[in-house]
Amino acid sequence: MNNNDYGVYKGDIEAGTDEWLVVEMPVELGTASEAIDHYSMSEAITIADYLTQTEGVSFKFGRPNDRHGS
Protein backbone atom coordinates (compact mmCIF):
# COMPACT_ATOMS: atom_id res chain seq x y z
CA MET A 1 0.00 0.00 0.00
CA ASN A 2 1.26 3.47 -0.85
CA ASN A 3 2.29 5.72 2.05
CA ASN A 4 0.64 8.71 0.36
CA ASP A 5 -2.92 7.50 -0.03
CA TYR A 6 -4.69 9.13 2.89
CA GLY A 7 -7.63 11.49 2.68
CA VAL A 8 -9.62 13.71 5.03
CA TYR A 9 -13.31 13.33 5.84
CA LYS A 10 -16.08 14.46 8.14
CA GLY A 11 -19.07 12.48 9.31
CA ASP A 12 -19.44 8.85 10.24
CA ILE A 13 -18.21 6.09 7.92
CA GLU A 14 -20.24 3.41 9.71
CA ALA A 15 -23.46 5.41 9.36
CA GLY A 16 -22.71 6.28 5.73
CA THR A 17 -22.72 10.02 6.43
CA ASP A 18 -19.06 10.56 5.56
CA GLU A 19 -18.03 13.32 3.16
CA TRP A 20 -14.45 13.45 1.88
CA LEU A 21 -12.27 16.43 1.05
CA VAL A 22 -12.38 16.90 -2.72
CA VAL A 23 -11.01 20.45 -3.04
CA GLU A 24 -8.77 22.10 -0.45
CA MET A 25 -9.45 25.79 -1.06
CA PRO A 26 -12.24 26.62 -0.89
CA VAL A 27 -13.21 23.47 0.99
CA GLU A 28 -15.44 21.18 -1.06
CA LEU A 29 -16.62 17.77 0.10
CA GLY A 30 -17.80 14.78 -1.90
CA THR A 31 -17.76 11.00 -2.07
CA ALA A 32 -14.87 8.69 -1.25
CA SER A 33 -14.30 8.03 -4.94
CA GLU A 34 -13.87 11.78 -5.55
CA ALA A 35 -11.61 12.33 -2.52
CA ILE A 36 -8.12 13.75 -2.60
CA ASP A 37 -6.18 10.68 -1.50
CA HIS A 38 -2.54 11.52 -2.05
CA TYR A 39 -1.61 12.77 1.41
CA SER A 40 0.84 11.10 3.76
CA MET A 41 -0.60 10.12 7.14
CA SER A 42 1.02 13.12 8.86
CA GLU A 43 -0.25 15.52 6.17
CA ALA A 44 -3.78 14.14 6.49
CA ILE A 45 -3.68 14.47 10.29
CA THR A 46 -2.48 18.08 10.01
CA ILE A 47 -5.17 18.97 7.46
CA ALA A 48 -7.91 17.26 9.49
CA ASP A 49 -6.84 19.16 12.63
CA TYR A 50 -6.72 22.46 10.72
CA LEU A 51 -10.17 21.96 9.19
CA THR A 52 -11.62 20.95 12.56
CA GLN A 53 -10.36 24.21 14.03
CA THR A 54 -11.37 26.47 11.15
CA GLU A 55 -14.62 24.86 9.98
CA GLY A 56 -16.11 24.17 13.42
CA VAL A 57 -16.87 20.49 12.75
CA SER A 58 -14.78 17.39 13.38
CA PHE A 59 -12.64 16.16 10.47
CA LYS A 60 -10.74 12.86 10.50
CA PHE A 61 -8.17 11.15 8.30
CA GLY A 62 -8.29 7.78 6.59
CA ARG A 63 -7.82 5.89 3.38
CA PRO A 64 -10.90 6.33 1.17
CA ASN A 65 -10.21 3.24 -0.94
CA ASP A 66 -9.68 0.96 2.07
CA ARG A 67 -12.97 1.82 3.64
CA HIS A 68 -15.13 1.91 0.56
CA GLY A 69 -13.78 -0.84 -1.65
CA SER A 70 -13.14 1.52 -4.56
C-alpha atoms as a PDB file:
ATOM      1  CA  MET A   1       0.000   0.000   0.000  1.00  0.00           C
ATOM      2  CA  ASN A   2       1.263   3.469  -0.849  1.00  0.00           C
ATOM      3  CA  ASN A   3       2.289   5.722   2.047  1.00  0.00           C
ATOM      4  CA  ASN A   4       0.636   8.708   0.360  1.00  0.00           C
ATOM      5  CA  ASP A   5      -2.922   7.505  -0.033  1.00  0.00           C
ATOM      6  CA  TYR A   6      -4.687   9.133   2.894  1.00  0.00           C
ATOM      7  CA  GLY A   7      -7.631  11.494   2.679  1.00  0.00           C
ATOM      8  CA  VAL A   8      -9.623  13.707   5.031  1.00  0.00           C
ATOM      9  CA  TYR A   9     -13.312  13.327   5.844  1.00  0.00           C
ATOM     10  CA  LYS A  10     -16.083  14.458   8.144  1.00  0.00           C
ATOM     11  CA  GLY A  11     -19.073  12.485   9.313  1.00  0.00           C
ATOM     12  CA  ASP A  12     -19.441   8.846  10.235  1.00  0.00           C
ATOM     13  CA  ILE A  13     -18.211   6.091   7.918  1.00  0.00           C
ATOM     14  CA  GLU A  14     -20.240   3.408   9.709  1.00  0.00           C
ATOM     15  CA  ALA A  15     -23.461   5.405   9.361  1.00  0.00           C
ATOM     16  CA  GLY A  16     -22.709   6.277   5.732  1.00  0.00           C
ATOM     17  CA  THR A  17     -22.716  10.019   6.425  1.00  0.00           C
ATOM     18  CA  ASP A  18     -19.064  10.557   5.558  1.00  0.00           C
ATOM     19  CA  GLU A  19     -18.034  13.324   3.159  1.00  0.00           C
ATOM     20  CA  TRP A  20     -14.449  13.450   1.885  1.00  0.00           C
ATOM     21  CA  LEU A  21     -12.269  16.433   1.051  1.00  0.00           C
ATOM     22  CA  VAL A  22     -12.384  16.902  -2.722  1.00  0.00           C
ATOM     23  CA  VAL A  23     -11.014  20.448  -3.042  1.00  0.00           C
ATOM     24  CA  GLU A  24      -8.769  22.097  -0.455  1.00  0.00           C
ATOM     25  CA  MET A  25      -9.455  25.786  -1.060  1.00  0.00           C
ATOM     26  CA  PRO A  26     -12.242  26.618  -0.885  1.00  0.00           C
ATOM     27  CA  VAL A  27     -13.208  23.466   0.989  1.00  0.00           C
ATOM     28  CA  GLU A  28     -15.441  21.179  -1.064  1.00  0.00           C
ATOM     29  CA  LEU A  29     -16.617  17.771   0.103  1.00  0.00           C
ATOM     30  CA  GLY A  30     -17.799  14.777  -1.896  1.00  0.00           C
ATOM     31  CA  THR A  31     -17.763  11.003  -2.070  1.00  0.00           C
ATOM     32  CA  ALA A  32     -14.866   8.687  -1.245  1.00  0.00           C
ATOM     33  CA  SER A  33     -14.296   8.031  -4.935  1.00  0.00           C
ATOM     34  CA  GLU A  34     -13.869  11.784  -5.550  1.00  0.00           C
ATOM     35  CA  ALA A  35     -11.613  12.328  -2.518  1.00  0.00           C
ATOM     36  CA  ILE A  36      -8.120  13.751  -2.597  1.00  0.00           C
ATOM     37  CA  ASP A  37      -6.181  10.680  -1.498  1.00  0.00           C
ATOM     38  CA  HIS A  38      -2.544  11.523  -2.051  1.00  0.00           C
ATOM     39  CA  TYR A  39      -1.614  12.772   1.413  1.00  0.00           C
ATOM     40  CA  SER A  40       0.839  11.096   3.762  1.00  0.00           C
ATOM     41  CA  MET A  41      -0.596  10.118   7.137  1.00  0.00           C
ATOM     42  CA  SER A  42       1.024  13.116   8.856  1.00  0.00           C
ATOM     43  CA  GLU A  43      -0.253  15.521   6.173  1.00  0.00           C
ATOM     44  CA  ALA A  44      -3.785  14.141   6.494  1.00  0.00           C
ATOM     45  CA  ILE A  45      -3.684  14.473  10.293  1.00  0.00           C
ATOM     46  CA  THR A  46      -2.481  18.076  10.014  1.00  0.00           C
ATOM     47  CA  ILE A  47      -5.167  18.971   7.458  1.00  0.00           C
ATOM     48  CA  ALA A  48      -7.914  17.258   9.490  1.00  0.00           C
ATOM     49  CA  ASP A  49      -6.838  19.162  12.626  1.00  0.00           C
ATOM     50  CA  TYR A  50      -6.719  22.459  10.719  1.00  0.00           C
ATOM     51  CA  LEU A  51     -10.167  21.958   9.190  1.00  0.00           C
ATOM     52  CA  THR A  52     -11.622  20.948  12.560  1.00  0.00           C
ATOM     53  CA  GLN A  53     -10.359  24.210  14.033  1.00  0.00           C
ATOM     54  CA  THR A  54     -11.370  26.466  11.148  1.00  0.00           C
ATOM     55  CA  GLU A  55     -14.625  24.858   9.975  1.00  0.00           C
ATOM     56  CA  GLY A  56     -16.107  24.169  13.423  1.00  0.00           C
ATOM     57  CA  VAL A  57     -16.873  20.489  12.751  1.00  0.00           C
ATOM     58  CA  SER A  58     -14.779  17.394  13.375  1.00  0.00           C
ATOM     59  CA  PHE A  59     -12.645  16.157  10.474  1.00  0.00           C
ATOM     60  CA  LYS A  60     -10.739  12.857  10.502  1.00  0.00           C
ATOM     61  CA  PHE A  61      -8.171  11.154   8.304  1.00  0.00           C
ATOM     62  CA  GLY A  62      -8.294   7.783   6.590  1.00  0.00           C
ATOM     63  CA  ARG A  63      -7.824   5.886   3.377  1.00  0.00           C
ATOM     64  CA  PRO A  64     -10.900   6.327   1.173  1.00  0.00           C
ATOM     65  CA  ASN A  65     -10.210   3.245  -0.937  1.00  0.00           C
ATOM     66  CA  ASP A  66      -9.678   0.961   2.069  1.00  0.00           C
ATOM     67  CA  ARG A  67     -12.965   1.819   3.643  1.00  0.00           C
ATOM     68  CA  HIS A  68     -15.133   1.914   0.556  1.00  0.00           C
ATOM     69  CA  GLY A  69     -13.775  -0.838  -1.653  1.00  0.00           C
ATOM     70  CA  SER A  70     -13.135   1.524  -4.561  1.00  0.00           C
END
